[in-house]
Amino acid sequence: MAYFTIITPTWNQAEYIEDTIKSVLEQRFEDFEYYIIDNCSDDGTEDIVRSYAEKDKRIKYIREPDKGQAEAINKGLRAASGEVVCWINSDDFYFDRYVLENVAAYFKRYPKAGVVAGDAWYCDREKNLTEYNESDRGVGKKMLRRWYYIVQPAVFWKNHGVLLDESYTYAFDWKFFIELFGEEKVLWAHEPYAVYRMYEDNKTGLDNAKRKKEIWRLQQELGDSRLNVAWCRYVYKAYEKAEMKNKPGAKKRIDFMSRMLFHLSGRRIASF
């Protein structure tokens, strides 16, 4: 049994996954197991992972088909023996070699905490740091129900067997953290834990109508605000129309409107 279980879902990320693996294996805190769940990549990812797994027995490599990222992560969560669990995607990496050591120290110092959420950087494809993100953005966990401000690879939680909703493709992590943060005491650790790579092809950079539709669905499930549900539906329909007509500029205008409305409404209306 390890103290940490770290999970990396991957599919055709040979360009980036070595950065992820190295950032995990170079951690000074060594008591962890590391599940890499590969959806049968065919771009060289397998060779990279196996080269590390042969040298480090903490890596558990599962290579088999899955129906999406949420299912892949759930495979790791079901197998996890660690007291604390987390996942880090195969294009992200930990900020430095002290991350796990610092997280373990926080859980030891604050035993009632169920979640430790750290700060994070965004970076570009070449790992140039571009934007710093505070863990709570100065608003706390209640705002998470409308604004997904969490940078996921910087979050660690005590292992209670909770799983992701596999019916979501884009918003599964948002829904998961809303539920987790609602049930657990969250410690906001204002120090950088992860670096999140932002580029056009990843799910966050690829903000499309399908993701907006899931946000609308999530807001319907939460049932907090009819007005917010209506706005999320409008944004989804506007995105869908813009994509059908191949007008990316229309999506940018909607994004601008969303941010303006977010501030004008006192952060009560949001779609991101």
C-alpha atoms as a PDB file:
ATOM      1  CA  MET A   1       0.000   0.000   0.000  1.00  0.00           C
ATOM      2  CA  ALA A   2       1.384   3.388  -1.045  1.00  0.00           C
ATOM      3  CA  TYR A   3       0.701   6.799   0.409  1.00  0.00           C
ATOM      4  CA  PHE A   4      -0.157   8.332  -3.005  1.00  0.00           C
ATOM      5  CA  THR A   5      -1.851   6.854  -6.035  1.00  0.00           C
ATOM      6  CA  ILE A   6      -1.162   8.957  -9.127  1.00  0.00           C
ATOM      7  CA  ILE A   7      -3.129   8.297 -12.319  1.00  0.00           C
ATOM      8  CA  THR A   8      -2.321   9.402 -15.864  1.00  0.00           C
ATOM      9  CA  PRO A   9      -4.847   8.677 -18.630  1.00  0.00           C
ATOM     10  CA  THR A  10      -3.336   8.890 -22.086  1.00  0.00           C
ATOM     11  CA  TRP A  11      -4.001   8.440 -25.763  1.00  0.00           C
ATOM     12  CA  ASN A  12      -1.463   9.372 -28.441  1.00  0.00           C
ATOM     13  CA  GLN A  13       0.510  11.827 -26.317  1.00  0.00           C
ATOM     14  CA  ALA A  14       4.038  10.692 -27.201  1.00  0.00           C
ATOM     15  CA  GLU A  15       5.006  14.326 -27.747  1.00  0.00           C
ATOM     16  CA  TYR A  16       4.392  15.209 -24.106  1.00  0.00           C
ATOM     17  CA  ILE A  17       4.037  12.155 -21.859  1.00  0.00           C
ATOM     18  CA  GLU A  18       7.737  11.836 -21.028  1.00  0.00           C
ATOM     19  CA  ASP A  19       7.582  15.241 -19.312  1.00  0.00           C
ATOM     20  CA  THR A  20       4.675  13.956 -17.231  1.00  0.00           C
ATOM     21  CA  ILE A  21       6.356  10.685 -16.276  1.00  0.00           C
ATOM     22  CA  LYS A  22       9.653  12.329 -15.373  1.00  0.00           C
ATOM     23  CA  SER A  23       7.915  14.917 -13.183  1.00  0.00           C
ATOM     24  CA  VAL A  24       6.306  12.074 -11.223  1.00  0.00           C
ATOM     25  CA  LEU A  25       9.340   9.798 -10.915  1.00  0.00           C
ATOM     26  CA  GLU A  26      11.623  12.674  -9.902  1.00  0.00           C
ATOM     27  CA  GLN A  27       9.507  13.471  -6.819  1.00  0.00           C
ATOM     28  CA  ARG A  28      11.555  13.490  -3.636  1.00  0.00           C
ATOM     29  CA  PHE A  29       8.637  11.845  -1.782  1.00  0.00           C
ATOM     30  CA  GLU A  30       8.905   8.303  -3.146  1.00  0.00           C
ATOM     31  CA  ASP A  31       5.983   6.461  -1.498  1.00  0.00           C
ATOM     32  CA  PHE A  32       3.562   6.281  -4.425  1.00  0.00           C
ATOM     33  CA  GLU A  33       2.144   3.979  -7.062  1.00  0.00           C
ATOM     34  CA  TYR A  34       1.696   5.334 -10.569  1.00  0.00           C
ATOM     35  CA  TYR A  35      -1.033   4.063 -12.898  1.00  0.00           C
ATOM     36  CA  ILE A  36      -0.725   4.974 -16.578  1.00  0.00           C
ATOM     37  CA  ILE A  37      -3.928   4.061 -18.414  1.00  0.00           C
ATOM     38  CA  ASP A  38      -3.361   3.977 -22.169  1.00  0.00           C
ATOM     39  CA  ASN A  39      -6.220   3.745 -24.687  1.00  0.00           C
ATOM     40  CA  CYS A  40      -4.052   1.704 -27.101  1.00  0.00           C
ATOM     41  CA  SER A  41      -1.949   4.612 -28.388  1.00  0.00           C
ATOM     42  CA  ASP A  42      -0.275   4.040 -31.762  1.00  0.00           C
ATOM     43  CA  ASP A  43       2.108   7.013 -31.853  1.00  0.00           C
ATOM     44  CA  GLY A  44       5.025   5.708 -29.780  1.00  0.00           C
ATOM     45  CA  THR A  45       3.468   6.351 -26.357  1.00  0.00           C
ATOM     46  CA  GLU A  46       3.674   2.634 -25.529  1.00  0.00           C
ATOM     47  CA  ASP A  47       7.436   2.481 -26.129  1.00  0.00           C
ATOM     48  CA  ILE A  48       8.025   5.515 -23.910  1.00  0.00           C
ATOM     49  CA  VAL A  49       5.899   4.203 -21.048  1.00  0.00           C
ATOM     50  CA  ARG A  50       7.328   0.687 -21.169  1.00  0.00           C
ATOM     51  CA  SER A  51      10.897   2.029 -21.134  1.00  0.00           C
ATOM     52  CA  TYR A  52      10.172   3.715 -17.799  1.00  0.00           C
ATOM     53  CA  ALA A  53       8.003   0.899 -16.403  1.00  0.00           C
ATOM     54  CA  GLU A  54      10.835  -1.591 -16.919  1.00  0.00           C
ATOM     55  CA  LYS A  55      13.091   0.518 -14.710  1.00  0.00           C
ATOM     56  CA  ASP A  56      10.586   1.606 -12.038  1.00  0.00           C
ATOM     57  CA  LYS A  57       8.174  -0.925 -10.540  1.00  0.00           C
ATOM     58  CA  ARG A  58       5.965   1.818  -9.107  1.00  0.00           C
ATOM     59  CA  ILE A  59       4.564   2.272 -12.624  1.00  0.00           C
ATOM     60  CA  LYS A  60       1.499   0.123 -13.363  1.00  0.00           C
ATOM     61  CA  TYR A  61       0.883   0.261 -17.111  1.00  0.00           C
ATOM     62  CA  ILE A  62      -2.610  -0.644 -18.303  1.00  0.00           C
ATOM     63  CA  ARG A  63      -2.966  -0.656 -22.075  1.00  0.00           C
ATOM     64  CA  GLU A  64      -6.501  -1.458 -23.257  1.00  0.00           C
ATOM     65  CA  PRO A  65      -9.405   0.237 -25.048  1.00  0.00           C
ATOM     66  CA  ASP A  66     -11.631   2.640 -23.146  1.00  0.00           C
ATOM     67  CA  LYS A  67     -14.617   4.823 -23.973  1.00  0.00           C
ATOM     68  CA  GLY A  68     -13.032   8.076 -22.873  1.00  0.00           C
ATOM     69  CA  GLN A  69     -10.903   9.890 -20.335  1.00  0.00           C
ATOM     70  CA  ALA A  70     -13.338   9.495 -17.440  1.00  0.00           C
ATOM     71  CA  GLU A  71     -13.441   5.708 -17.846  1.00  0.00           C
ATOM     72  CA  ALA A  72      -9.642   5.565 -18.012  1.00  0.00           C
ATOM     73  CA  ILE A  73      -9.253   7.583 -14.806  1.00  0.00           C
ATOM     74  CA  ASN A  74     -11.893   5.454 -13.072  1.00  0.00           C
ATOM     75  CA  LYS A  75      -9.841   2.339 -13.860  1.00  0.00           C
ATOM     76  CA  GLY A  76      -7.003   3.876 -11.888  1.00  0.00           C
ATOM     77  CA  LEU A  77      -9.292   5.054  -9.084  1.00  0.00           C
ATOM     78  CA  ARG A  78     -10.766   1.568  -8.682  1.00  0.00           C
ATOM     79  CA  ALA A  79      -7.283   0.033  -8.491  1.00  0.00           C
ATOM     80  CA  ALA A  80      -5.864   2.718  -6.184  1.00  0.00           C
ATOM     81  CA  SER A  81      -4.433   1.548  -2.873  1.00  0.00           C
ATOM     82  CA  GLY A  82      -3.031   4.943  -1.858  1.00  0.00           C
ATOM     83  CA  GLU A  83      -4.300   6.977   1.071  1.00  0.00           C
ATOM     84  CA  VAL A  84      -4.301  10.045  -1.193  1.00  0.00           C
ATOM     85  CA  VAL A  85      -5.191  10.023  -4.877  1.00  0.00           C
ATOM     86  CA  CYS A  86      -4.896  12.384  -7.834  1.00  0.00           C
ATOM     87  CA  TRP A  87      -4.629  12.376 -11.589  1.00  0.00           C
ATOM     88  CA  ILE A  88      -2.348  14.267 -13.909  1.00  0.00           C
ATOM     89  CA  ASN A  89      -2.956  14.223 -17.646  1.00  0.00           C
ATOM     90  CA  SER A  90      -0.281  13.161 -20.104  1.00  0.00           C
ATOM     91  CA  ASP A  91       0.414  16.680 -21.362  1.00  0.00           C
ATOM     92  CA  ASP A  92       0.807  18.245 -17.881  1.00  0.00           C
ATOM     93  CA  PHE A  93       3.579  17.926 -15.302  1.00  0.00           C
ATOM     94  CA  TYR A  94       4.382  18.717 -11.682  1.00  0.00           C
ATOM     95  CA  PHE A  95       5.938  22.081 -10.925  1.00  0.00           C
ATOM     96  CA  ASP A  96       8.975  20.720  -9.066  1.00  0.00           C
ATOM     97  CA  ARG A  97      10.245  17.646  -7.232  1.00  0.00           C
ATOM     98  CA  TYR A  98       8.824  18.755  -3.859  1.00  0.00           C
ATOM     99  CA  VAL A  99       5.110  18.640  -4.749  1.00  0.00           C
ATOM    100  CA  LEU A 100       4.213  15.276  -3.184  1.00  0.00           C
ATOM    101  CA  GLU A 101       6.370  16.023  -0.156  1.00  0.00           C
ATOM    102  CA  ASN A 102       4.558  19.312   0.420  1.00  0.00           C
ATOM    103  CA  VAL A 103       1.098  17.789  -0.087  1.00  0.00           C
ATOM    104  CA  ALA A 104       1.842  14.950   2.353  1.00  0.00           C
ATOM    105  CA  ALA A 105       3.039  17.506   4.923  1.00  0.00           C
ATOM    106  CA  TYR A 106      -0.238  19.450   4.603  1.00  0.00           C
ATOM    107  CA  PHE A 107      -2.352  16.338   5.151  1.00  0.00           C
ATOM    108  CA  LYS A 108      -0.257  15.436   8.193  1.00  0.00           C
ATOM    109  CA  ARG A 109      -0.500  18.962   9.609  1.00  0.00           C
ATOM    110  CA  TYR A 110      -4.257  19.234   8.941  1.00  0.00           C
ATOM    111  CA  PRO A 111      -5.663  15.699   9.425  1.00  0.00           C
ATOM    112  CA  LYS A 112      -9.288  16.849   9.044  1.00  0.00           C
ATOM    113  CA  ALA A 113      -8.647  18.121   5.520  1.00  0.00           C
ATOM    114  CA  GLY A 114     -10.032  15.854   2.808  1.00  0.00           C
ATOM    115  CA  VAL A 115      -8.636  17.819  -0.129  1.00  0.00           C
ATOM    116  CA  VAL A 116      -5.461  19.810  -0.735  1.00  0.00           C
ATOM    117  CA  ALA A 117      -5.710  22.152  -3.725  1.00  0.00           C
ATOM    118  CA  GLY A 118      -2.588  23.945  -4.875  1.00  0.00           C
ATOM    119  CA  ASP A 119      -1.837  26.784  -7.247  1.00  0.00           C
ATOM    120  CA  ALA A 120      -0.784  26.067 -10.824  1.00  0.00           C
ATOM    121  CA  TRP A 121       0.813  27.585 -13.870  1.00  0.00           C
ATOM    122  CA  TYR A 122      -0.388  27.461 -17.451  1.00  0.00           C
ATOM    123  CA  CYS A 123       2.267  26.927 -20.094  1.00  0.00           C
ATOM    124  CA  ASP A 124       2.450  26.689 -23.879  1.00  0.00           C
ATOM    125  CA  ARG A 125       3.516  23.701 -25.974  1.00  0.00           C
ATOM    126  CA  GLU A 126       7.211  24.437 -25.326  1.00  0.00           C
ATOM    127  CA  LYS A 127       6.686  24.651 -21.529  1.00  0.00           C
ATOM    128  CA  ASN A 128       7.034  28.431 -21.374  1.00  0.00           C
ATOM    129  CA  LEU A 129       5.052  29.574 -18.329  1.00  0.00           C
ATOM    130  CA  THR A 130       2.240  31.923 -19.351  1.00  0.00           C
ATOM    131  CA  GLU A 131      -0.239  32.492 -16.487  1.00  0.00           C
ATOM    132  CA  TYR A 132      -0.328  31.872 -12.740  1.00  0.00           C
ATOM    133  CA  ASN A 133      -3.560  30.573 -11.178  1.00  0.00           C
ATOM    134  CA  GLU A 134      -4.300  30.746  -7.466  1.00  0.00           C
ATOM    135  CA  SER A 135      -6.011  27.668  -6.063  1.00  0.00           C
ATOM    136  CA  ASP A 136      -9.169  29.419  -4.824  1.00  0.00           C
ATOM    137  CA  ARG A 137      -9.074  32.510  -7.100  1.00  0.00           C
ATOM    138  CA  GLY A 138     -10.131  34.450  -4.014  1.00  0.00           C
ATOM    139  CA  VAL A 139     -13.701  33.123  -4.140  1.00  0.00           C
ATOM    140  CA  GLY A 140     -13.741  29.760  -2.340  1.00  0.00           C
ATOM    141  CA  LYS A 141     -15.437  26.501  -3.178  1.00  0.00           C
ATOM    142  CA  LYS A 142     -19.079  27.660  -3.437  1.00  0.00           C
ATOM    143  CA  MET A 143     -18.295  29.544  -6.641  1.00  0.00           C
ATOM    144  CA  LEU A 144     -17.130  26.267  -8.178  1.00  0.00           C
ATOM    145  CA  ARG A 145     -20.752  25.395  -8.931  1.00  0.00           C
ATOM    146  CA  ARG A 146     -20.826  28.139 -11.592  1.00  0.00           C
ATOM    147  CA  TRP A 147     -17.192  28.801 -12.495  1.00  0.00           C
ATOM    148  CA  TYR A 148     -14.717  25.976 -13.077  1.00  0.00           C
ATOM    149  CA  TYR A 149     -11.577  27.681 -11.848  1.00  0.00           C
ATOM    150  CA  ILE A 150      -9.791  24.600 -10.482  1.00  0.00           C
ATOM    151  CA  VAL A 151      -6.580  23.528 -12.223  1.00  0.00           C
ATOM    152  CA  GLN A 152      -7.136  19.785 -11.871  1.00  0.00           C
ATOM    153  CA  PRO A 153      -3.548  18.368 -11.692  1.00  0.00           C
ATOM    154  CA  ALA A 154      -2.884  20.516  -8.617  1.00  0.00           C
ATOM    155  CA  VAL A 155      -5.637  18.798  -6.566  1.00  0.00           C
ATOM    156  CA  PHE A 156      -5.097  15.831  -4.209  1.00  0.00           C
ATOM    157  CA  TRP A 157      -7.742  14.113  -2.061  1.00  0.00           C
ATOM    158  CA  LYS A 158      -8.100  11.338   0.493  1.00  0.00           C
ATOM    159  CA  ASN A 159      -9.095   8.070  -1.100  1.00  0.00           C
ATOM    160  CA  HIS A 160     -12.732   7.276  -0.315  1.00  0.00           C
ATOM    161  CA  GLY A 161     -13.430   5.399  -3.522  1.00  0.00           C
ATOM    162  CA  VAL A 162     -15.258   8.240  -5.289  1.00  0.00           C
ATOM    163  CA  LEU A 163     -15.469   7.953  -9.089  1.00  0.00           C
ATOM    164  CA  LEU A 164     -16.099  10.166 -12.103  1.00  0.00           C
ATOM    165  CA  ASP A 165     -19.382  10.342 -14.030  1.00  0.00           C
ATOM    166  CA  GLU A 166     -18.510   8.567 -17.287  1.00  0.00           C
ATOM    167  CA  SER A 167     -21.571   9.954 -19.077  1.00  0.00           C
ATOM    168  CA  TYR A 168     -19.660  13.255 -19.378  1.00  0.00           C
ATOM    169  CA  THR A 169     -16.854  13.725 -21.908  1.00  0.00           C
ATOM    170  CA  TYR A 170     -15.818  17.332 -21.261  1.00  0.00           C
ATOM    171  CA  ALA A 171     -17.242  18.336 -17.859  1.00  0.00           C
ATOM    172  CA  PHE A 172     -16.640  15.145 -15.868  1.00  0.00           C
ATOM    173  CA  ASP A 173     -13.850  16.766 -13.843  1.00  0.00           C
ATOM    174  CA  TRP A 174     -15.950  19.849 -13.066  1.00  0.00           C
ATOM    175  CA  LYS A 175     -18.845  17.731 -11.791  1.00  0.00           C
ATOM    176  CA  PHE A 176     -16.450  15.535  -9.817  1.00  0.00           C
ATOM    177  CA  PHE A 177     -14.843  18.453  -7.997  1.00  0.00           C
ATOM    178  CA  ILE A 178     -18.177  20.131  -7.265  1.00  0.00           C
ATOM    179  CA  GLU A 179     -19.268  16.951  -5.490  1.00  0.00           C
ATOM    180  CA  LEU A 180     -15.910  16.290  -3.818  1.00  0.00           C
ATOM    181  CA  PHE A 181     -15.432  19.840  -2.572  1.00  0.00           C
ATOM    182  CA  GLY A 182     -19.008  19.910  -1.324  1.00  0.00           C
ATOM    183  CA  GLU A 183     -18.388  16.892   0.899  1.00  0.00           C
ATOM    184  CA  GLU A 184     -14.810  17.447   2.091  1.00  0.00           C
ATOM    185  CA  LYS A 185     -12.889  20.079   4.019  1.00  0.00           C
ATOM    186  CA  VAL A 186     -10.649  21.779   1.451  1.00  0.00           C
ATOM    187  CA  LEU A 187      -7.232  23.178   2.250  1.00  0.00           C
ATOM    188  CA  TRP A 188      -6.140  25.837  -0.240  1.00  0.00           C
ATOM    189  CA  ALA A 189      -2.372  25.586  -0.487  1.00  0.00           C
ATOM    190  CA  HIS A 190      -1.083  28.770  -2.035  1.00  0.00           C
ATOM    191  CA  GLU A 191       2.008  27.299  -3.654  1.00  0.00           C
ATOM    192  CA  PRO A 192       2.450  25.944  -7.198  1.00  0.00           C
ATOM    193  CA  TYR A 193       1.960  22.202  -7.616  1.00  0.00           C
ATOM    194  CA  ALA A 194       1.358  21.669 -11.327  1.00  0.00           C
ATOM    195  CA  VAL A 195       1.877  23.071 -14.801  1.00  0.00           C
ATOM    196  CA  TYR A 196      -1.087  22.760 -17.167  1.00  0.00           C
ATOM    197  CA  ARG A 197      -0.250  22.822 -20.852  1.00  0.00           C
ATOM    198  CA  MET A 198      -2.691  25.026 -22.789  1.00  0.00           C
ATOM    199  CA  TYR A 199      -2.891  24.628 -26.553  1.00  0.00           C
ATOM    200  CA  GLU A 200      -5.562  24.457 -29.243  1.00  0.00           C
ATOM    201  CA  ASP A 201      -5.850  20.659 -29.403  1.00  0.00           C
ATOM    202  CA  ASN A 202      -6.392  19.886 -25.727  1.00  0.00           C
ATOM    203  CA  LYS A 203      -9.911  19.729 -24.303  1.00  0.00           C
ATOM    204  CA  THR A 204      -9.747  23.082 -22.570  1.00  0.00           C
ATOM    205  CA  GLY A 205      -8.208  24.840 -25.546  1.00  0.00           C
ATOM    206  CA  LEU A 206     -10.692  23.111 -27.849  1.00  0.00           C
ATOM    207  CA  ASP A 207     -13.747  24.864 -26.396  1.00  0.00           C
ATOM    208  CA  ASN A 208     -16.601  23.700 -28.596  1.00  0.00           C
ATOM    209  CA  ALA A 209     -20.371  23.334 -28.701  1.00  0.00           C
ATOM    210  CA  LYS A 210     -20.190  19.807 -27.265  1.00  0.00           C
ATOM    211  CA  ARG A 211     -18.448  21.109 -24.159  1.00  0.00           C
ATOM    212  CA  LYS A 212     -20.907  23.994 -23.848  1.00  0.00           C
ATOM    213  CA  LYS A 213     -23.786  21.509 -24.112  1.00  0.00           C
ATOM    214  CA  GLU A 214     -22.336  19.538 -21.190  1.00  0.00           C
ATOM    215  CA  ILE A 215     -21.975  22.724 -19.140  1.00  0.00           C
ATOM    216  CA  TRP A 216     -25.654  23.454 -19.804  1.00  0.00           C
ATOM    217  CA  ARG A 217     -26.526  19.894 -18.735  1.00  0.00           C
ATOM    218  CA  LEU A 218     -24.426  20.214 -15.573  1.00  0.00           C
ATOM    219  CA  GLN A 219     -26.126  23.463 -14.606  1.00  0.00           C
ATOM    220  CA  GLN A 220     -29.503  21.805 -15.149  1.00  0.00           C
ATOM    221  CA  GLU A 221     -28.477  18.962 -12.828  1.00  0.00           C
ATOM    222  CA  LEU A 222     -27.263  21.379 -10.156  1.00  0.00           C
ATOM    223  CA  GLY A 223     -30.511  23.351 -10.357  1.00  0.00           C
ATOM    224  CA  ASP A 224     -29.071  26.431  -8.644  1.00  0.00           C
ATOM    225  CA  SER A 225     -30.330  29.104 -11.032  1.00  0.00           C
ATOM    226  CA  ARG A 226     -32.851  29.042 -13.878  1.00  0.00           C
ATOM    227  CA  LEU A 227     -31.280  32.205 -15.231  1.00  0.00           C
ATOM    228  CA  ASN A 228     -27.860  30.596 -15.361  1.00  0.00           C
ATOM    229  CA  VAL A 229     -29.296  27.476 -17.015  1.00  0.00           C
ATOM    230  CA  ALA A 230     -30.947  29.665 -19.647  1.00  0.00           C
ATOM    231  CA  TRP A 231     -27.717  31.526 -20.337  1.00  0.00           C
ATOM    232  CA  CYS A 232     -25.726  28.282 -20.644  1.00  0.00           C
ATOM    233  CA  ARG A 233     -28.284  26.990 -23.146  1.00  0.00           C
ATOM    234  CA  TYR A 234     -27.978  30.233 -25.142  1.00  0.00           C
ATOM    235  CA  VAL A 235     -24.186  29.931 -25.214  1.00  0.00           C
ATOM    236  CA  TYR A 236     -24.365  26.299 -26.331  1.00  0.00           C
ATOM    237  CA  LYS A 237     -26.799  27.138 -29.156  1.00  0.00           C
ATOM    238  CA  ALA A 238     -24.696  30.135 -30.218  1.00  0.00           C
ATOM    239  CA  TYR A 239     -21.559  27.964 -30.317  1.00  0.00           C
ATOM    240  CA  GLU A 240     -23.394  25.299 -32.311  1.00  0.00           C
ATOM    241  CA  LYS A 241     -24.572  27.862 -34.843  1.00  0.00           C
ATOM    242  CA  ALA A 242     -21.115  29.426 -35.124  1.00  0.00           C
ATOM    243  CA  GLU A 243     -19.524  26.035 -35.773  1.00  0.00           C
ATOM    244  CA  MET A 244     -22.136  25.091 -38.378  1.00  0.00           C
ATOM    245  CA  LYS A 245     -21.442  28.338 -40.235  1.00  0.00           C
ATOM    246  CA  ASN A 246     -17.675  28.161 -39.602  1.00  0.00           C
ATOM    247  CA  LYS A 247     -17.561  31.546 -37.862  1.00  0.00           C
ATOM    248  CA  PRO A 248     -14.994  31.347 -35.044  1.00  0.00           C
ATOM    249  CA  GLY A 249     -15.281  35.087 -34.505  1.00  0.00           C
ATOM    250  CA  ALA A 250     -18.848  34.600 -33.291  1.00  0.00           C
ATOM    251  CA  LYS A 251     -17.590  32.258 -30.579  1.00  0.00           C
ATOM    252  CA  LYS A 252     -15.088  34.878 -29.438  1.00  0.00           C
ATOM    253  CA  ARG A 253     -17.882  37.433 -29.161  1.00  0.00           C
ATOM    254  CA  ILE A 254     -19.932  35.020 -27.065  1.00  0.00           C
ATOM    255  CA  ASP A 255     -16.927  34.418 -24.793  1.00  0.00           C
ATOM    256  CA  PHE A 256     -16.528  38.180 -24.336  1.00  0.00           C
ATOM    257  CA  MET A 257     -20.222  38.520 -23.505  1.00  0.00           C
ATOM    258  CA  SER A 258     -19.983  35.646 -21.019  1.00  0.00           C
ATOM    259  CA  ARG A 259     -17.143  37.272 -19.144  1.00  0.00           C
ATOM    260  CA  MET A 260     -18.853  40.657 -19.116  1.00  0.00           C
ATOM    261  CA  LEU A 261     -22.083  39.125 -17.824  1.00  0.00           C
ATOM    262  CA  PHE A 262     -20.145  37.152 -15.220  1.00  0.00           C
ATOM    263  CA  HIS A 263     -18.786  40.367 -13.711  1.00  0.00           C
ATOM    264  CA  LEU A 264     -21.921  42.472 -14.206  1.00  0.00           C
ATOM    265  CA  SER A 265     -24.062  39.826 -12.485  1.00  0.00           C
ATOM    266  CA  GLY A 266     -21.752  39.653  -9.484  1.00  0.00           C
ATOM    267  CA  ARG A 267     -20.494  36.234 -10.620  1.00  0.00           C
ATOM    268  CA  ARG A 268     -24.017  34.768 -10.535  1.00  0.00           C
ATOM    269  CA  ILE A 269     -24.175  33.969 -14.255  1.00  0.00           C
ATOM    270  CA  ALA A 270     -21.409  31.965 -15.925  1.00  0.00           C
ATOM    271  CA  SER A 271     -20.861  29.403 -18.653  1.00  0.00           C
ATOM    272  CA  PHE A 272     -17.206  28.457 -18.262  1.00  0.00           C
END
